[in-house]
Amino acid sequence: MQKTTWLQFKSELASLYEKFGYDNIRNVRIKGQRQVEEQILSRVPHKMFDSSTYGSKDIFDEFQQKKDLKLVWARMSSSVREYKLDPYDVANIAPDNCPVTGALIDYGYGRNRITDNPFHRPGIDHIVARGNFGAAHGDISNIQILSQHFNTVKSYGTEIEAIKWVGFELSK
């Protein structure tokens, strides 16, 4: 597909989204989303030290002071360690909601975890993929937090594949 054709297609698709009320796709919810989000919002953090929930006594003590589950998640995340990121920087950029889906993200670990559904679990995404020469380690400016689900979609899919999937569904 030529670039001008692709840009025209995207423009017309955007107009259709707007026409049918999908101009803010983050407002489209999946089945059960509201219930999970209510559970996340009403969570009462576990008050006793538990290594599966807080990792270490130091992280638990820090949580007791700051009451920040994003920081607990960032300090315990193997990806944060693997990418050599500062957990405090990661916690600072961690949104409450996935920027793609709008779904509330569950940053809890262990007994603080509400769901295992990747639609609500945090994932670390490289804005510019490492395979496209994006910084792999230590560069917080190349990192964003998305739901694990859409981080996987972004990693393994393209816009063209998404369009093909929609076309397939329309042809049924």
N, C-alpha and C. Protein backbone atom coordinates (compact mmCIF):
# COMPACT_ATOMS: atom_id res chain seq x y z
N MET A 1 0.85 -1.18 0.00
CA MET A 1 0.00 0.00 0.00
C MET A 1 0.90 1.24 0.00
N GLN A 2 0.59 2.18 -0.86
CA GLN A 2 1.37 3.41 -0.92
C GLN A 2 1.12 4.25 0.33
N LYS A 3 2.12 5.05 0.67
CA LYS A 3 2.02 5.87 1.88
C LYS A 3 0.82 6.82 1.83
N THR A 4 0.55 7.45 0.69
CA THR A 4 -0.58 8.38 0.61
C THR A 4 -1.90 7.64 0.79
N THR A 5 -2.01 6.44 0.22
CA THR A 5 -3.22 5.64 0.38
C THR A 5 -3.40 5.26 1.84
N TRP A 6 -2.31 4.86 2.49
CA TRP A 6 -2.36 4.47 3.90
C TRP A 6 -2.79 5.66 4.77
N LEU A 7 -2.23 6.82 4.53
CA LEU A 7 -2.59 8.00 5.31
C LEU A 7 -4.06 8.38 5.09
N GLN A 8 -4.54 8.27 3.86
CA GLN A 8 -5.95 8.56 3.57
C GLN A 8 -6.84 7.55 4.28
N PHE A 9 -6.46 6.27 4.25
CA PHE A 9 -7.23 5.22 4.92
C PHE A 9 -7.33 5.51 6.42
N LYS A 10 -6.20 5.86 7.03
CA LYS A 10 -6.19 6.17 8.47
C LYS A 10 -7.07 7.37 8.79
N SER A 11 -7.03 8.38 7.92
CA SER A 11 -7.84 9.58 8.12
C SER A 11 -9.33 9.24 8.05
N GLU A 12 -9.72 8.44 7.06
CA GLU A 12 -11.12 8.05 6.92
C GLU A 12 -11.56 7.15 8.08
N LEU A 13 -10.68 6.28 8.52
CA LEU A 13 -10.99 5.43 9.68
C LEU A 13 -11.19 6.28 10.93
N ALA A 14 -10.35 7.29 11.11
CA ALA A 14 -10.51 8.20 12.25
C ALA A 14 -11.85 8.91 12.18
N SER A 15 -12.27 9.31 10.97
CA SER A 15 -13.59 9.96 10.82
C SER A 15 -14.72 9.01 11.19
N LEU A 16 -14.58 7.74 10.82
CA LEU A 16 -15.60 6.75 11.21
C LEU A 16 -15.64 6.55 12.72
N TYR A 17 -14.49 6.49 13.32
CA TYR A 17 -14.44 6.36 14.78
C TYR A 17 -15.20 7.50 15.43
N GLU A 18 -14.93 8.71 14.95
CA GLU A 18 -15.59 9.88 15.50
C GLU A 18 -17.10 9.84 15.25
N LYS A 19 -17.49 9.49 14.03
CA LYS A 19 -18.90 9.45 13.66
C LYS A 19 -19.70 8.51 14.56
N PHE A 20 -19.11 7.38 14.92
CA PHE A 20 -19.83 6.38 15.72
C PHE A 20 -19.48 6.42 17.20
N GLY A 21 -18.84 7.51 17.62
CA GLY A 21 -18.61 7.71 19.05
C GLY A 21 -17.41 6.97 19.61
N TYR A 22 -16.52 6.52 18.74
CA TYR A 22 -15.32 5.84 19.22
C TYR A 22 -14.09 6.74 19.13
N ASP A 23 -14.30 8.05 19.09
CA ASP A 23 -13.17 8.96 18.97
C ASP A 23 -12.32 8.93 20.23
N ASN A 24 -12.89 8.51 21.35
CA ASN A 24 -12.07 8.25 22.53
C ASN A 24 -12.21 6.77 22.85
N ILE A 25 -11.41 5.97 22.18
CA ILE A 25 -11.50 4.52 22.28
C ILE A 25 -11.25 4.03 23.71
N ARG A 26 -10.63 4.87 24.53
CA ARG A 26 -10.39 4.50 25.93
C ARG A 26 -11.70 4.37 26.71
N ASN A 27 -12.79 4.93 26.18
CA ASN A 27 -14.08 4.83 26.86
C ASN A 27 -14.79 3.50 26.58
N VAL A 28 -14.29 2.72 25.62
CA VAL A 28 -14.89 1.42 25.30
C VAL A 28 -14.36 0.41 26.31
N ARG A 29 -15.28 -0.22 27.04
CA ARG A 29 -14.88 -1.14 28.10
C ARG A 29 -15.04 -2.59 27.68
N ILE A 30 -14.23 -3.45 28.29
CA ILE A 30 -14.36 -4.89 28.07
C ILE A 30 -15.26 -5.47 29.16
N LYS A 31 -15.74 -6.68 28.93
CA LYS A 31 -16.60 -7.37 29.88
C LYS A 31 -15.87 -7.54 31.22
N GLY A 32 -16.51 -7.14 32.29
CA GLY A 32 -15.96 -7.30 33.63
C GLY A 32 -15.01 -6.19 34.07
N GLN A 33 -14.72 -5.25 33.18
CA GLN A 33 -13.75 -4.20 33.51
C GLN A 33 -14.21 -3.36 34.70
N ARG A 34 -15.46 -2.96 34.70
CA ARG A 34 -15.97 -2.10 35.78
C ARG A 34 -15.83 -2.78 37.15
N GLN A 35 -16.14 -4.07 37.21
CA GLN A 35 -16.05 -4.80 38.49
C GLN A 35 -14.62 -4.89 38.98
N VAL A 36 -13.68 -5.19 38.08
CA VAL A 36 -12.27 -5.27 38.48
C VAL A 36 -11.78 -3.91 38.95
N GLU A 37 -12.16 -2.86 38.25
CA GLU A 37 -11.74 -1.51 38.63
C GLU A 37 -12.31 -1.12 40.00
N GLU A 38 -13.54 -1.51 40.27
CA GLU A 38 -14.12 -1.24 41.59
C GLU A 38 -13.33 -1.95 42.69
N GLN A 39 -12.90 -3.19 42.41
CA GLN A 39 -12.09 -3.93 43.38
C GLN A 39 -10.73 -3.26 43.60
N ILE A 40 -10.12 -2.80 42.51
CA ILE A 40 -8.82 -2.13 42.62
C ILE A 40 -8.97 -0.86 43.46
N LEU A 41 -10.01 -0.07 43.16
CA LEU A 41 -10.21 1.19 43.88
C LEU A 41 -10.56 0.99 45.35
N SER A 42 -11.18 -0.14 45.68
CA SER A 42 -11.56 -0.37 47.08
C SER A 42 -10.55 -1.24 47.83
N ARG A 43 -9.42 -1.53 47.21
CA ARG A 43 -8.40 -2.38 47.82
C ARG A 43 -7.93 -1.79 49.14
N VAL A 44 -7.79 -2.64 50.13
CA VAL A 44 -7.17 -2.27 51.40
C VAL A 44 -5.83 -3.00 51.43
N PRO A 45 -4.72 -2.28 51.31
CA PRO A 45 -3.42 -2.95 51.25
C PRO A 45 -3.15 -3.83 52.47
N HIS A 46 -2.49 -4.95 52.20
CA HIS A 46 -2.13 -5.91 53.25
C HIS A 46 -1.20 -5.22 54.25
N LYS A 47 -1.52 -5.32 55.51
CA LYS A 47 -0.81 -4.55 56.53
C LYS A 47 0.36 -5.28 57.20
N MET A 48 0.50 -6.58 56.93
CA MET A 48 1.57 -7.36 57.56
C MET A 48 2.64 -7.66 56.51
N PHE A 49 3.89 -7.78 56.97
CA PHE A 49 4.96 -8.14 56.04
C PHE A 49 4.74 -9.55 55.53
N ASP A 50 4.84 -9.69 54.24
CA ASP A 50 4.72 -10.97 53.55
C ASP A 50 5.64 -10.86 52.33
N SER A 51 6.59 -11.79 52.18
CA SER A 51 7.58 -11.64 51.12
C SER A 51 6.97 -11.73 49.72
N SER A 52 5.87 -12.47 49.54
CA SER A 52 5.25 -12.53 48.21
C SER A 52 4.52 -11.24 47.87
N THR A 53 4.22 -10.43 48.88
CA THR A 53 3.49 -9.19 48.68
C THR A 53 4.44 -7.99 48.61
N TYR A 54 5.49 -8.00 49.41
CA TYR A 54 6.38 -6.84 49.50
C TYR A 54 7.84 -7.15 49.16
N GLY A 55 8.16 -8.41 48.93
CA GLY A 55 9.52 -8.75 48.53
C GLY A 55 10.51 -8.77 49.67
N SER A 56 10.69 -7.64 50.32
CA SER A 56 11.65 -7.56 51.43
C SER A 56 11.08 -6.65 52.52
N LYS A 57 11.68 -6.75 53.69
CA LYS A 57 11.25 -5.91 54.81
C LYS A 57 11.49 -4.43 54.49
N ASP A 58 12.57 -4.13 53.76
CA ASP A 58 12.85 -2.74 53.38
C ASP A 58 11.73 -2.17 52.50
N ILE A 59 11.27 -2.95 51.52
CA ILE A 59 10.20 -2.48 50.64
C ILE A 59 8.91 -2.33 51.44
N PHE A 60 8.65 -3.27 52.35
CA PHE A 60 7.45 -3.18 53.20
C PHE A 60 7.50 -1.91 54.05
N ASP A 61 8.65 -1.65 54.69
CA ASP A 61 8.79 -0.45 55.53
C ASP A 61 8.60 0.82 54.70
N GLU A 62 9.15 0.83 53.49
CA GLU A 62 8.98 1.98 52.61
C GLU A 62 7.51 2.15 52.23
N PHE A 63 6.83 1.02 51.96
CA PHE A 63 5.40 1.11 51.64
C PHE A 63 4.62 1.67 52.82
N GLN A 64 4.96 1.25 54.03
CA GLN A 64 4.27 1.73 55.21
C GLN A 64 4.38 3.26 55.31
N GLN A 65 5.50 3.80 54.88
CA GLN A 65 5.69 5.26 54.90
C GLN A 65 4.99 5.95 53.74
N LYS A 66 5.19 5.45 52.51
CA LYS A 66 4.74 6.16 51.32
C LYS A 66 3.38 5.71 50.80
N LYS A 67 2.94 4.52 51.17
CA LYS A 67 1.64 3.97 50.72
C LYS A 67 1.53 3.97 49.19
N ASP A 68 2.62 3.60 48.51
CA ASP A 68 2.66 3.67 47.05
C ASP A 68 2.88 2.28 46.45
N LEU A 69 1.79 1.65 45.98
CA LEU A 69 1.92 0.33 45.37
C LEU A 69 2.68 0.38 44.04
N LYS A 70 2.66 1.52 43.35
CA LYS A 70 3.43 1.65 42.12
C LYS A 70 4.92 1.47 42.42
N LEU A 71 5.37 2.04 43.53
CA LEU A 71 6.78 1.92 43.90
C LEU A 71 7.10 0.48 44.31
N VAL A 72 6.20 -0.17 45.03
CA VAL A 72 6.42 -1.59 45.39
C VAL A 72 6.56 -2.40 44.10
N TRP A 73 5.62 -2.19 43.15
CA TRP A 73 5.68 -2.91 41.88
C TRP A 73 7.01 -2.63 41.15
N ALA A 74 7.40 -1.37 41.07
CA ALA A 74 8.62 -1.01 40.36
C ALA A 74 9.86 -1.60 41.03
N ARG A 75 9.87 -1.63 42.35
CA ARG A 75 11.03 -2.19 43.06
C ARG A 75 11.10 -3.71 42.94
N MET A 76 9.95 -4.36 42.75
CA MET A 76 9.94 -5.82 42.65
C MET A 76 9.98 -6.32 41.21
N SER A 77 9.78 -5.46 40.25
CA SER A 77 9.68 -5.86 38.86
C SER A 77 11.02 -6.36 38.30
N SER A 78 10.99 -7.56 37.75
CA SER A 78 12.20 -8.09 37.13
C SER A 78 12.56 -7.28 35.88
N SER A 79 11.57 -6.73 35.20
CA SER A 79 11.86 -5.91 34.01
C SER A 79 12.58 -4.63 34.38
N VAL A 80 12.19 -4.01 35.49
CA VAL A 80 12.88 -2.79 35.93
C VAL A 80 14.35 -3.10 36.18
N ARG A 81 14.61 -4.22 36.82
CA ARG A 81 16.00 -4.62 37.08
C ARG A 81 16.71 -4.96 35.76
N GLU A 82 16.04 -5.76 34.92
CA GLU A 82 16.65 -6.18 33.65
C GLU A 82 17.02 -4.98 32.78
N TYR A 83 16.15 -3.97 32.72
CA TYR A 83 16.40 -2.80 31.88
C TYR A 83 17.23 -1.73 32.60
N LYS A 84 17.69 -2.06 33.82
CA LYS A 84 18.56 -1.17 34.60
C LYS A 84 17.94 0.22 34.80
N LEU A 85 16.65 0.21 35.19
CA LEU A 85 15.92 1.45 35.43
C LEU A 85 15.85 1.73 36.92
N ASP A 86 15.76 2.99 37.26
CA ASP A 86 15.57 3.38 38.65
C ASP A 86 14.10 3.17 39.01
N PRO A 87 13.81 2.33 40.02
CA PRO A 87 12.41 2.06 40.36
C PRO A 87 11.63 3.32 40.74
N TYR A 88 12.29 4.30 41.32
CA TYR A 88 11.61 5.55 41.69
C TYR A 88 11.19 6.30 40.44
N ASP A 89 12.06 6.32 39.40
CA ASP A 89 11.70 6.96 38.13
C ASP A 89 10.53 6.23 37.48
N VAL A 90 10.56 4.90 37.51
CA VAL A 90 9.49 4.10 36.90
C VAL A 90 8.17 4.37 37.63
N ALA A 91 8.20 4.37 38.96
CA ALA A 91 6.98 4.63 39.74
C ALA A 91 6.43 6.03 39.43
N ASN A 92 7.33 6.98 39.20
CA ASN A 92 6.89 8.36 38.90
C ASN A 92 6.19 8.49 37.56
N ILE A 93 6.55 7.64 36.58
CA ILE A 93 5.90 7.75 35.28
C ILE A 93 4.72 6.77 35.14
N ALA A 94 4.52 5.92 36.14
CA ALA A 94 3.46 4.91 36.07
C ALA A 94 2.08 5.57 36.18
N PRO A 95 1.26 5.43 35.14
CA PRO A 95 -0.07 6.04 35.17
C PRO A 95 -1.05 5.19 35.98
N ASP A 96 -2.12 5.79 36.43
CA ASP A 96 -3.19 5.03 37.09
C ASP A 96 -3.93 4.16 36.08
N ASN A 97 -4.07 4.68 34.87
CA ASN A 97 -4.81 3.98 33.81
C ASN A 97 -3.91 3.73 32.62
N CYS A 98 -4.16 2.63 31.93
CA CYS A 98 -3.43 2.33 30.70
C CYS A 98 -3.70 3.43 29.69
N PRO A 99 -2.66 4.02 29.11
CA PRO A 99 -2.88 5.09 28.14
C PRO A 99 -3.56 4.62 26.85
N VAL A 100 -3.56 3.32 26.58
CA VAL A 100 -4.20 2.79 25.38
C VAL A 100 -5.66 2.46 25.65
N THR A 101 -5.91 1.69 26.70
CA THR A 101 -7.26 1.18 26.96
C THR A 101 -8.07 2.04 27.91
N GLY A 102 -7.40 2.82 28.73
CA GLY A 102 -8.08 3.59 29.76
C GLY A 102 -8.39 2.75 30.99
N ALA A 103 -8.07 1.46 30.96
CA ALA A 103 -8.36 0.57 32.09
C ALA A 103 -7.45 0.90 33.28
N LEU A 104 -8.02 0.83 34.47
CA LEU A 104 -7.25 1.01 35.69
C LEU A 104 -6.22 -0.10 35.81
N ILE A 105 -5.01 0.25 36.17
CA ILE A 105 -3.93 -0.73 36.27
C ILE A 105 -3.79 -1.17 37.73
N ASP A 106 -3.66 -2.48 37.92
CA ASP A 106 -3.48 -3.08 39.24
C ASP A 106 -1.99 -3.27 39.49
N TYR A 107 -1.40 -2.43 40.35
CA TYR A 107 0.02 -2.50 40.66
C TYR A 107 0.32 -3.41 41.85
N GLY A 108 -0.68 -4.08 42.40
CA GLY A 108 -0.48 -4.92 43.57
C GLY A 108 0.29 -6.19 43.27
N TYR A 109 1.04 -6.62 44.27
CA TYR A 109 1.77 -7.89 44.24
C TYR A 109 1.22 -8.75 45.36
N GLY A 110 1.35 -10.06 45.24
CA GLY A 110 0.96 -10.97 46.31
C GLY A 110 -0.45 -10.73 46.80
N ARG A 111 -0.59 -10.50 48.09
CA ARG A 111 -1.91 -10.29 48.69
C ARG A 111 -2.53 -8.95 48.32
N ASN A 112 -1.75 -8.06 47.72
CA ASN A 112 -2.30 -6.78 47.25
C ASN A 112 -2.79 -6.86 45.81
N ARG A 113 -2.51 -7.97 45.15
CA ARG A 113 -2.92 -8.13 43.74
C ARG A 113 -4.42 -8.42 43.68
N ILE A 114 -5.10 -7.70 42.80
CA ILE A 114 -6.54 -7.89 42.61
C ILE A 114 -6.81 -8.88 41.48
N THR A 115 -6.03 -8.79 40.40
CA THR A 115 -6.31 -9.61 39.21
C THR A 115 -5.02 -10.05 38.53
N ASP A 116 -5.12 -11.16 37.83
CA ASP A 116 -4.02 -11.62 36.97
C ASP A 116 -4.30 -11.28 35.51
N ASN A 117 -5.44 -10.66 35.25
CA ASN A 117 -5.83 -10.32 33.89
C ASN A 117 -4.83 -9.31 33.32
N PRO A 118 -4.13 -9.66 32.22
CA PRO A 118 -3.12 -8.76 31.66
C PRO A 118 -3.68 -7.44 31.17
N PHE A 119 -5.00 -7.35 30.99
CA PHE A 119 -5.63 -6.09 30.60
C PHE A 119 -5.49 -5.06 31.71
N HIS A 120 -5.34 -5.53 32.97
CA HIS A 120 -5.23 -4.64 34.13
C HIS A 120 -3.86 -4.68 34.80
N ARG A 121 -2.95 -5.51 34.33
CA ARG A 121 -1.63 -5.61 34.94
C ARG A 121 -0.64 -4.70 34.20
N PRO A 122 0.31 -4.11 34.92
CA PRO A 122 1.26 -3.19 34.27
C PRO A 122 2.32 -3.92 33.47
N GLY A 123 2.71 -3.31 32.37
CA GLY A 123 3.80 -3.80 31.55
C GLY A 123 4.71 -2.65 31.16
N ILE A 124 5.98 -2.94 31.06
CA ILE A 124 6.96 -1.92 30.67
C ILE A 124 7.20 -2.03 29.17
N ASP A 125 6.99 -0.92 28.48
CA ASP A 125 7.10 -0.88 27.03
C ASP A 125 8.21 0.07 26.62
N HIS A 126 9.02 -0.36 25.66
CA HIS A 126 9.99 0.53 25.04
C HIS A 126 9.26 1.32 23.96
N ILE A 127 9.30 2.63 24.04
CA ILE A 127 8.62 3.49 23.07
C ILE A 127 9.21 3.24 21.69
N VAL A 128 10.53 3.29 21.59
CA VAL A 128 11.22 2.87 20.38
C VAL A 128 11.79 1.50 20.69
N ALA A 129 11.33 0.50 19.98
CA ALA A 129 11.72 -0.88 20.26
C ALA A 129 13.24 -1.04 20.25
N ARG A 130 13.69 -1.91 21.12
CA ARG A 130 15.13 -2.19 21.17
C ARG A 130 15.63 -2.66 19.82
N GLY A 131 14.79 -3.44 19.10
CA GLY A 131 15.15 -3.93 17.76
C GLY A 131 15.26 -2.83 16.72
N ASN A 132 14.68 -1.67 17.02
CA ASN A 132 14.77 -0.51 16.12
C ASN A 132 15.74 0.53 16.67
N PHE A 133 16.69 0.06 17.44
CA PHE A 133 17.76 0.88 18.00
C PHE A 133 17.31 1.79 19.14
N GLY A 134 16.19 1.43 19.78
CA GLY A 134 15.78 2.15 20.99
C GLY A 134 16.68 1.74 22.14
N ALA A 135 16.88 2.64 23.08
CA ALA A 135 17.74 2.34 24.23
C ALA A 135 17.16 1.16 25.00
N ALA A 136 18.01 0.18 25.28
CA ALA A 136 17.57 -1.02 25.98
C ALA A 136 17.69 -0.88 27.49
N HIS A 137 18.70 -0.16 27.94
CA HIS A 137 18.99 -0.14 29.37
C HIS A 137 19.18 1.28 29.91
N GLY A 138 18.56 1.52 31.04
CA GLY A 138 18.81 2.72 31.81
C GLY A 138 18.21 4.01 31.30
N ASP A 139 17.41 3.97 30.25
CA ASP A 139 16.88 5.20 29.66
C ASP A 139 15.38 5.31 29.91
N ILE A 140 15.00 6.02 30.95
CA ILE A 140 13.59 6.16 31.32
C ILE A 140 12.81 6.91 30.24
N SER A 141 13.48 7.73 29.43
CA SER A 141 12.77 8.48 28.38
C SER A 141 12.27 7.58 27.26
N ASN A 142 12.76 6.33 27.21
CA ASN A 142 12.30 5.38 26.19
C ASN A 142 11.32 4.37 26.77
N ILE A 143 10.78 4.66 27.94
CA ILE A 143 9.89 3.72 28.64
C ILE A 143 8.52 4.35 28.85
N GLN A 144 7.48 3.51 28.68
CA GLN A 144 6.13 3.89 29.09
C GLN A 144 5.49 2.67 29.73
N ILE A 145 4.53 2.91 30.59
CA ILE A 145 3.82 1.82 31.25
C ILE A 145 2.46 1.69 30.58
N LEU A 146 2.19 0.49 30.06
CA LEU A 146 0.92 0.13 29.44
C LEU A 146 0.38 -1.10 30.17
N SER A 147 -0.82 -1.50 29.81
CA SER A 147 -1.28 -2.80 30.30
C SER A 147 -0.40 -3.87 29.64
N GLN A 148 -0.19 -4.98 30.35
CA GLN A 148 0.59 -6.09 29.77
C GLN A 148 -0.04 -6.54 28.45
N HIS A 149 -1.37 -6.54 28.41
CA HIS A 149 -2.08 -6.98 27.22
C HIS A 149 -1.68 -6.15 25.99
N PHE A 150 -1.76 -4.83 26.11
CA PHE A 150 -1.44 -4.00 24.95
C PHE A 150 0.05 -3.88 24.70
N ASN A 151 0.86 -4.11 25.70
CA ASN A 151 2.30 -4.18 25.45
C ASN A 151 2.59 -5.39 24.56
N THR A 152 1.91 -6.51 24.81
CA THR A 152 2.08 -7.70 23.98
C THR A 152 1.55 -7.44 22.57
N VAL A 153 0.38 -6.82 22.47
CA VAL A 153 -0.18 -6.50 21.15
C VAL A 153 0.80 -5.62 20.38
N LYS A 154 1.35 -4.61 21.04
CA LYS A 154 2.28 -3.70 20.38
C LYS A 154 3.56 -4.44 19.97
N SER A 155 4.01 -5.35 20.81
CA SER A 155 5.25 -6.08 20.52
C SER A 155 5.11 -7.02 19.33
N TYR A 156 3.94 -7.63 19.19
CA TYR A 156 3.81 -8.67 18.18
C TYR A 156 2.88 -8.31 17.03
N GLY A 157 2.26 -7.14 17.07
CA GLY A 157 1.33 -6.76 16.02
C GLY A 157 1.72 -5.45 15.39
N THR A 158 1.09 -5.17 14.27
CA THR A 158 1.30 -3.90 13.58
C THR A 158 -0.06 -3.30 13.27
N GLU A 159 -0.07 -2.06 12.84
CA GLU A 159 -1.33 -1.42 12.43
C GLU A 159 -1.98 -2.20 11.28
N ILE A 160 -1.17 -2.65 10.35
CA ILE A 160 -1.69 -3.40 9.21
C ILE A 160 -2.35 -4.69 9.68
N GLU A 161 -1.74 -5.38 10.64
CA GLU A 161 -2.34 -6.61 11.16
C GLU A 161 -3.66 -6.32 11.86
N ALA A 162 -3.74 -5.21 12.57
CA ALA A 162 -4.99 -4.83 13.23
C ALA A 162 -6.07 -4.55 12.19
N ILE A 163 -5.71 -3.86 11.12
CA ILE A 163 -6.66 -3.56 10.06
C ILE A 163 -7.11 -4.85 9.38
N LYS A 164 -6.18 -5.78 9.16
CA LYS A 164 -6.54 -7.07 8.55
C LYS A 164 -7.51 -7.82 9.45
N TRP A 165 -7.28 -7.78 10.74
CA TRP A 165 -8.17 -8.49 11.68
C TRP A 165 -9.57 -7.88 11.64
N VAL A 166 -9.66 -6.55 11.65
CA VAL A 166 -10.97 -5.89 11.56
C VAL A 166 -11.63 -6.25 10.24
N GLY A 167 -10.89 -6.24 9.15
CA GLY A 167 -11.44 -6.62 7.84
C GLY A 167 -11.96 -8.05 7.84
N PHE A 168 -11.23 -8.95 8.46
CA PHE A 168 -11.67 -10.35 8.57
C PHE A 168 -12.98 -10.43 9.34
N GLU A 169 -13.07 -9.71 10.45
CA GLU A 169 -14.30 -9.74 11.25
C GLU A 169 -15.47 -9.16 10.45
N LEU A 170 -15.22 -8.14 9.67
CA LEU A 170 -16.28 -7.52 8.86
C LEU A 170 -16.73 -8.45 7.73
N SER A 171 -15.87 -9.35 7.30
CA SER A 171 -16.21 -10.22 6.16
C SER A 171 -17.03 -11.44 6.58
N LYS A 172 -17.23 -11.63 7.85
CA LYS A 172 -17.99 -12.80 8.33
C LYS A 172 -19.47 -12.65 8.08
